[in-house]
N, C-alpha and C. Protein backbone atom coordinates (compact mmCIF):
# COMPACT_ATOMS: atom_id res chain seq x y z
N MET A 1 0.91 -1.38 0.06
CA MET A 1 0.21 0.07 0.04
C MET A 1 1.01 1.35 -0.25
N TYR A 2 0.49 2.32 -0.64
CA TYR A 2 1.24 3.42 -0.70
C TYR A 2 0.52 4.20 -0.09
N GLN A 3 1.66 5.26 0.57
CA GLN A 3 1.00 6.35 1.59
C GLN A 3 1.76 7.73 1.07
N PHE A 4 1.01 8.97 0.83
CA PHE A 4 1.43 10.02 0.16
C PHE A 4 1.07 11.07 1.06
N THR A 5 2.55 11.99 1.44
CA THR A 5 1.60 13.25 2.31
C THR A 5 0.61 14.06 1.06
N TYR A 6 0.14 14.91 1.72
CA TYR A 6 -0.96 15.65 0.87
C TYR A 6 -0.51 16.33 0.01
N ALA A 7 0.99 16.94 0.12
CA ALA A 7 1.72 17.91 -0.76
C ALA A 7 1.81 17.03 -1.78
N GLU A 8 2.27 15.89 -1.64
CA GLU A 8 2.75 15.06 -2.85
C GLU A 8 1.48 14.69 -4.15
N VAL A 9 0.23 14.76 -3.31
CA VAL A 9 -0.77 14.90 -4.38
C VAL A 9 -1.63 15.99 -4.70
N VAL A 10 -1.16 17.00 -4.47
CA VAL A 10 -1.73 18.35 -4.99
C VAL A 10 -1.34 18.85 -6.26
N ASP A 11 -0.53 18.25 -7.06
CA ASP A 11 0.15 19.02 -8.16
C ASP A 11 -1.10 18.97 -9.41
N ASP A 12 -2.17 18.44 -8.76
CA ASP A 12 -3.29 18.57 -9.58
C ASP A 12 -4.11 19.70 -9.57
N SER A 13 -5.00 20.17 -10.79
CA SER A 13 -5.69 21.58 -10.49
C SER A 13 -6.29 21.78 -9.35
N PRO A 14 -6.48 23.04 -8.90
CA PRO A 14 -7.19 23.42 -8.06
C PRO A 14 -8.71 22.41 -7.98
N GLN A 15 -9.25 22.71 -9.29
CA GLN A 15 -10.73 22.50 -9.17
C GLN A 15 -10.63 21.02 -8.74
N GLU A 16 -9.67 20.07 -9.07
CA GLU A 16 -9.39 18.71 -8.76
C GLU A 16 -9.25 18.65 -7.55
N MET A 17 -8.42 19.44 -6.85
CA MET A 17 -8.06 19.50 -5.34
C MET A 17 -9.36 19.59 -4.64
N ARG A 18 -10.26 20.42 -5.07
CA ARG A 18 -11.31 20.89 -4.40
C ARG A 18 -12.48 19.74 -4.42
N ALA A 19 -12.37 19.08 -5.63
CA ALA A 19 -13.24 17.91 -5.85
C ALA A 19 -12.91 17.09 -4.52
N ARG A 20 -11.69 16.55 -4.68
CA ARG A 20 -10.94 15.59 -3.50
C ARG A 20 -11.50 15.76 -2.59
N GLU A 21 -11.11 17.17 -2.07
CA GLU A 21 -11.66 17.62 -0.72
C GLU A 21 -12.89 17.27 -0.59
N HIS A 22 -13.67 17.74 -1.20
CA HIS A 22 -15.44 17.46 -1.27
C HIS A 22 -15.87 16.33 -1.05
N ASP A 23 -15.11 15.16 -1.88
CA ASP A 23 -15.55 13.95 -1.62
C ASP A 23 -14.91 13.45 -0.20
N ALA A 24 -13.99 13.90 0.46
CA ALA A 24 -13.04 13.44 1.12
C ALA A 24 -14.12 13.71 2.58
N ILE A 25 -14.50 14.83 2.45
CA ILE A 25 -15.57 15.23 3.70
C ILE A 25 -16.78 14.50 3.46
N GLY A 26 -17.34 14.66 2.38
CA GLY A 26 -18.72 14.01 2.00
C GLY A 26 -18.63 12.74 2.82
N ARG A 27 -17.47 11.87 2.70
CA ARG A 27 -17.31 10.84 3.37
C ARG A 27 -17.33 10.54 4.65
N ALA A 28 -16.71 11.91 5.14
CA ALA A 28 -16.75 12.01 6.66
C ALA A 28 -18.05 11.96 7.01
N VAL A 29 -19.05 12.89 6.57
CA VAL A 29 -20.44 13.17 6.45
C VAL A 29 -21.27 11.79 6.69
N VAL A 30 -21.09 11.03 5.37
CA VAL A 30 -21.76 9.77 5.57
C VAL A 30 -21.62 8.57 6.63
N LEU A 31 -20.27 8.76 7.30
CA LEU A 31 -19.32 8.03 8.22
C LEU A 31 -19.95 8.88 9.61
N LEU A 32 -20.49 10.00 9.53
CA LEU A 32 -20.86 10.25 10.79
C LEU A 32 -22.18 10.08 10.96
N GLU A 33 -22.71 10.16 9.80
CA GLU A 33 -24.15 10.06 10.08
C GLU A 33 -24.85 8.56 10.41
N ALA A 34 -23.72 7.66 9.97
CA ALA A 34 -23.89 6.14 10.50
C ALA A 34 -23.75 6.29 11.92
N ALA A 35 -23.03 6.82 12.12
CA ALA A 35 -22.62 6.84 13.47
C ALA A 35 -23.34 7.30 14.54
N GLN A 36 -24.23 8.50 14.34
CA GLN A 36 -25.37 8.81 14.71
C GLN A 36 -26.38 7.61 14.98
N ALA A 37 -26.80 7.35 13.81
CA ALA A 37 -27.77 6.25 14.15
C ALA A 37 -27.20 4.96 14.79
N ALA A 38 -25.92 4.47 14.63
CA ALA A 38 -25.72 3.61 15.47
C ALA A 38 -25.35 3.85 16.73
N GLY A 39 -24.80 4.96 17.53
CA GLY A 39 -24.61 5.66 18.83
C GLY A 39 -23.00 5.31 18.63
N PRO A 40 -23.03 6.52 20.09
CA PRO A 40 -21.65 6.73 20.56
C PRO A 40 -20.57 5.82 20.61
N LYS A 41 -21.11 4.39 21.12
CA LYS A 41 -20.13 3.58 21.37
C LYS A 41 -20.05 2.16 20.68
N SER A 42 -20.65 2.73 19.54
CA SER A 42 -20.94 1.52 17.94
C SER A 42 -19.36 1.49 17.21
N GLN A 43 -19.14 0.69 16.30
CA GLN A 43 -18.38 0.39 15.67
C GLN A 43 -18.24 1.49 14.38
N ALA A 44 -19.48 1.82 14.16
CA ALA A 44 -19.60 3.30 13.22
C ALA A 44 -18.81 4.28 13.73
N ALA A 45 -19.14 4.13 14.91
CA ALA A 45 -18.90 5.53 15.68
C ALA A 45 -17.49 5.51 15.47
N ILE A 46 -16.85 4.54 15.97
CA ILE A 46 -15.21 4.35 15.94
C ILE A 46 -14.52 4.54 14.68
N GLU A 47 -15.14 4.35 13.52
CA GLU A 47 -15.09 4.24 12.14
C GLU A 47 -14.52 5.64 11.70
N ALA A 48 -15.98 6.26 12.23
CA ALA A 48 -16.80 7.83 11.54
C ALA A 48 -15.58 8.70 12.50
N LEU A 49 -15.08 8.58 13.76
CA LEU A 49 -14.20 9.34 14.34
C LEU A 49 -12.68 9.19 14.41
N THR A 50 -12.35 7.84 13.95
CA THR A 50 -11.25 7.82 13.23
C THR A 50 -10.55 8.28 11.91
N TYR A 51 -11.87 8.46 10.77
CA TYR A 51 -11.62 8.64 9.55
C TYR A 51 -11.31 10.20 9.85
N SER A 52 -12.45 10.63 10.61
CA SER A 52 -12.48 12.50 10.50
C SER A 52 -11.44 12.70 11.08
N ARG A 53 -10.85 12.29 11.80
CA ARG A 53 -9.70 12.63 13.01
C ARG A 53 -8.62 12.81 11.73
N GLY A 54 -8.53 11.43 11.09
CA GLY A 54 -7.14 11.56 10.34
C GLY A 54 -7.39 12.60 9.24
N LEU A 55 -8.64 12.87 8.82
CA LEU A 55 -8.70 13.84 7.49
C LEU A 55 -8.81 15.32 7.88
N TRP A 56 -9.08 15.67 9.15
CA TRP A 56 -8.66 16.62 9.87
C TRP A 56 -7.08 16.94 9.99
N THR A 57 -6.44 16.31 10.36
CA THR A 57 -5.08 16.11 10.85
C THR A 57 -4.31 16.43 9.74
N ILE A 58 -4.77 15.88 8.63
CA ILE A 58 -4.15 16.25 7.27
C ILE A 58 -4.53 17.62 6.70
N PHE A 59 -5.63 18.11 7.09
CA PHE A 59 -6.07 19.51 6.53
C PHE A 59 -5.59 20.52 7.36
N LEU A 60 -5.22 20.09 8.90
CA LEU A 60 -4.87 21.29 9.77
C LEU A 60 -3.07 21.22 9.55
N ASP A 61 -2.60 20.37 9.11
CA ASP A 61 -1.12 20.38 8.53
C ASP A 61 -0.93 20.88 7.51
N ASP A 62 -1.88 20.81 6.68
CA ASP A 62 -1.83 21.52 4.88
C ASP A 62 -2.11 22.97 5.44
N LEU A 63 -2.79 23.44 5.85
CA LEU A 63 -3.17 24.64 6.20
C LEU A 63 -2.21 25.61 7.30
N GLY A 64 -1.39 24.68 7.92
CA GLY A 64 -0.30 25.58 8.87
C GLY A 64 0.97 25.61 8.33
N SER A 65 0.69 24.85 6.83
CA SER A 65 2.29 24.74 5.86
C SER A 65 2.44 26.24 5.33
N GLN A 66 3.71 26.68 5.06
CA GLN A 66 4.50 28.05 4.54
C GLN A 66 3.92 27.86 3.04
N GLY A 67 3.71 26.69 2.60
CA GLY A 67 3.27 26.62 1.34
C GLY A 67 1.53 26.72 0.57
N ASN A 68 0.84 26.66 2.01
CA ASN A 68 -0.66 26.74 1.53
C ASN A 68 -0.96 28.41 1.08
N ASP A 69 -1.58 28.37 -0.09
CA ASP A 69 -1.47 29.94 -0.82
C ASP A 69 -3.32 30.42 -0.38
N LEU A 70 -3.83 29.81 0.52
CA LEU A 70 -4.94 30.54 0.79
C LEU A 70 -4.81 31.82 1.61
N PRO A 71 -5.72 32.65 1.67
CA PRO A 71 -5.42 33.73 2.36
C PRO A 71 -5.44 33.78 3.71
N GLY A 72 -4.72 34.32 4.45
CA GLY A 72 -4.20 34.14 5.77
C GLY A 72 -5.42 34.12 6.97
N ASP A 73 -6.50 35.07 6.58
CA ASP A 73 -7.46 35.30 7.23
C ASP A 73 -8.61 33.78 6.85
N LEU A 74 -8.68 33.20 5.65
CA LEU A 74 -9.26 32.03 5.67
C LEU A 74 -8.37 30.91 6.25
N ARG A 75 -7.24 30.67 6.17
CA ARG A 75 -6.60 29.43 6.52
C ARG A 75 -6.87 29.86 8.32
N ALA A 76 -6.90 31.22 8.78
CA ALA A 76 -6.94 30.89 10.49
C ALA A 76 -8.46 30.84 10.73
N GLN A 77 -9.62 30.63 10.16
CA GLN A 77 -10.65 30.48 10.21
C GLN A 77 -11.02 29.01 10.12
N LEU A 78 -10.05 28.48 9.05
CA LEU A 78 -10.40 26.99 9.01
C LEU A 78 -9.26 26.26 9.80
N ILE A 79 -8.38 26.67 10.44
CA ILE A 79 -7.46 26.18 11.63
C ILE A 79 -8.45 25.92 12.63
N SER A 80 -9.15 26.98 12.99
CA SER A 80 -9.84 27.16 14.63
C SER A 80 -11.24 26.43 14.16
N ILE A 81 -11.72 25.97 13.13
CA ILE A 81 -12.62 25.39 12.71
C ILE A 81 -12.26 23.67 13.25
N GLY A 82 -11.27 23.33 12.52
CA GLY A 82 -10.15 22.25 12.68
C GLY A 82 -9.87 21.91 13.78
N ILE A 83 -9.64 22.61 14.73
CA ILE A 83 -9.19 22.61 15.93
C ILE A 83 -10.81 22.26 16.94
N TRP A 84 -11.52 23.07 16.37
CA TRP A 84 -12.89 22.68 17.15
C TRP A 84 -13.26 21.22 16.81
N ILE A 85 -13.33 21.04 15.76
CA ILE A 85 -13.79 19.54 15.18
C ILE A 85 -12.96 18.56 15.74
N MET A 86 -11.40 18.80 16.25
CA MET A 86 -10.70 17.74 16.82
C MET A 86 -10.99 17.78 18.22
N LYS A 87 -11.45 18.45 18.87
CA LYS A 87 -11.97 18.52 20.13
C LYS A 87 -13.49 17.91 20.30
N GLU A 88 -14.11 18.14 19.38
CA GLU A 88 -15.44 17.43 19.56
C GLU A 88 -15.37 15.89 19.30
N ILE A 89 -14.12 15.53 18.36
CA ILE A 89 -14.01 14.29 18.31
C ILE A 89 -13.65 13.30 19.36
N GLU A 90 -12.74 14.43 20.37
CA GLU A 90 -12.44 13.53 21.60
C GLU A 90 -13.18 13.46 22.50
N ARG A 91 -14.44 14.66 22.67
CA ARG A 91 -15.31 14.91 23.46
C ARG A 91 -16.21 13.17 23.14
N LEU A 92 -16.67 13.20 21.75
CA LEU A 92 -17.42 11.65 21.28
C LEU A 92 -16.64 10.75 21.97
N ARG A 93 -15.83 10.76 21.69
CA ARG A 93 -14.81 9.61 21.94
C ARG A 93 -14.67 8.88 23.42
N LEU A 94 -14.84 10.23 24.20
CA LEU A 94 -14.18 9.83 25.91
C LEU A 94 -15.76 10.09 26.27
N GLY A 95 -16.92 10.00 25.55
CA GLY A 95 -18.21 9.97 26.09
C GLY A 95 -18.58 11.61 26.78
N ALA A 96 -18.07 12.78 26.79
CA ALA A 96 -18.51 13.85 27.19
C ALA A 96 -19.90 14.04 26.70
N THR A 97 -20.05 13.86 24.90
CA THR A 97 -20.97 13.93 24.49
C THR A 97 -21.72 12.93 23.97
N ASP A 98 -22.84 12.68 23.28
CA ASP A 98 -23.11 11.68 22.94
C ASP A 98 -23.86 12.04 21.38
N SER A 99 -23.65 13.05 20.85
CA SER A 99 -24.07 14.03 19.66
C SER A 99 -23.48 14.18 18.75
N PHE A 100 -23.61 13.66 17.59
CA PHE A 100 -22.95 13.50 16.04
C PHE A 100 -23.50 15.04 15.36
N THR A 101 -24.42 15.45 15.75
CA THR A 101 -25.23 16.53 14.99
C THR A 101 -24.32 17.87 14.64
N ASP A 102 -23.67 18.56 15.38
CA ASP A 102 -22.57 19.67 15.11
C ASP A 102 -21.47 19.19 14.50
N LEU A 103 -20.99 17.98 14.40
CA LEU A 103 -19.83 17.84 13.64
C LEU A 103 -20.34 17.44 12.29
N ILE A 104 -21.32 16.67 12.24
CA ILE A 104 -22.08 16.26 10.87
C ILE A 104 -22.43 17.69 9.92
N GLU A 105 -22.99 18.74 10.79
CA GLU A 105 -23.41 20.19 10.22
C GLU A 105 -22.33 20.68 9.45
N ILE A 106 -20.96 21.05 10.72
CA ILE A 106 -19.71 21.51 10.19
C ILE A 106 -19.63 21.18 8.97
N ASN A 107 -19.04 20.05 8.81
CA ASN A 107 -18.62 18.91 8.02
C ASN A 107 -19.39 19.41 6.63
N ALA A 108 -20.97 19.39 6.89
CA ALA A 108 -21.50 19.28 5.83
C ALA A 108 -21.35 20.74 4.90
N ILE A 109 -21.43 21.76 6.18
CA ILE A 109 -20.97 23.26 5.44
C ILE A 109 -19.91 23.53 4.44
N ILE A 110 -18.99 22.85 5.23
CA ILE A 110 -17.58 22.79 4.31
C ILE A 110 -17.67 22.16 3.55
N ARG A 111 -18.12 21.24 3.50
CA ARG A 111 -18.12 19.95 2.02
C ARG A 111 -19.00 20.76 1.17
N ASP A 112 -20.29 21.35 1.52
CA ASP A 112 -21.14 22.02 0.73
C ASP A 112 -20.29 23.50 -0.28
N GLY A 113 -19.56 24.15 0.79
CA GLY A 113 -18.60 25.23 0.04
C GLY A 113 -17.19 24.57 -0.84
N LEU A 114 -17.39 23.54 -0.61
CA LEU A 114 -16.46 23.01 -2.17
C LEU A 114 -16.91 22.62 -3.22
N ALA A 115 -18.22 22.69 -3.35
CA ALA A 115 -18.69 22.38 -4.31
C ALA A 115 -18.75 22.95 -5.51
């Protein structure tokens, strides 16, 4: 199995990159919706939280890199959202909350903004 860093696969056009990001966040939304239906202690929840944490780790790493061409204000806003998402994932994992609704909504808003 091959593993690439985010920077290694972004040689594509901005439209292709946005489409990939849209699809990746869309998958997170689908997984989070399944987790919500199955419950916070389910295998679906573990899968959704693991996937979402990995995805947002990649996004945060990229947003924090010097090579990111997004405007500084937008980067800062997305980093703040990403940090909130990571904290919410941890709250779900630890049982401090049992609702996936906010995570689903925020990810869906970002996904729809990439369309």
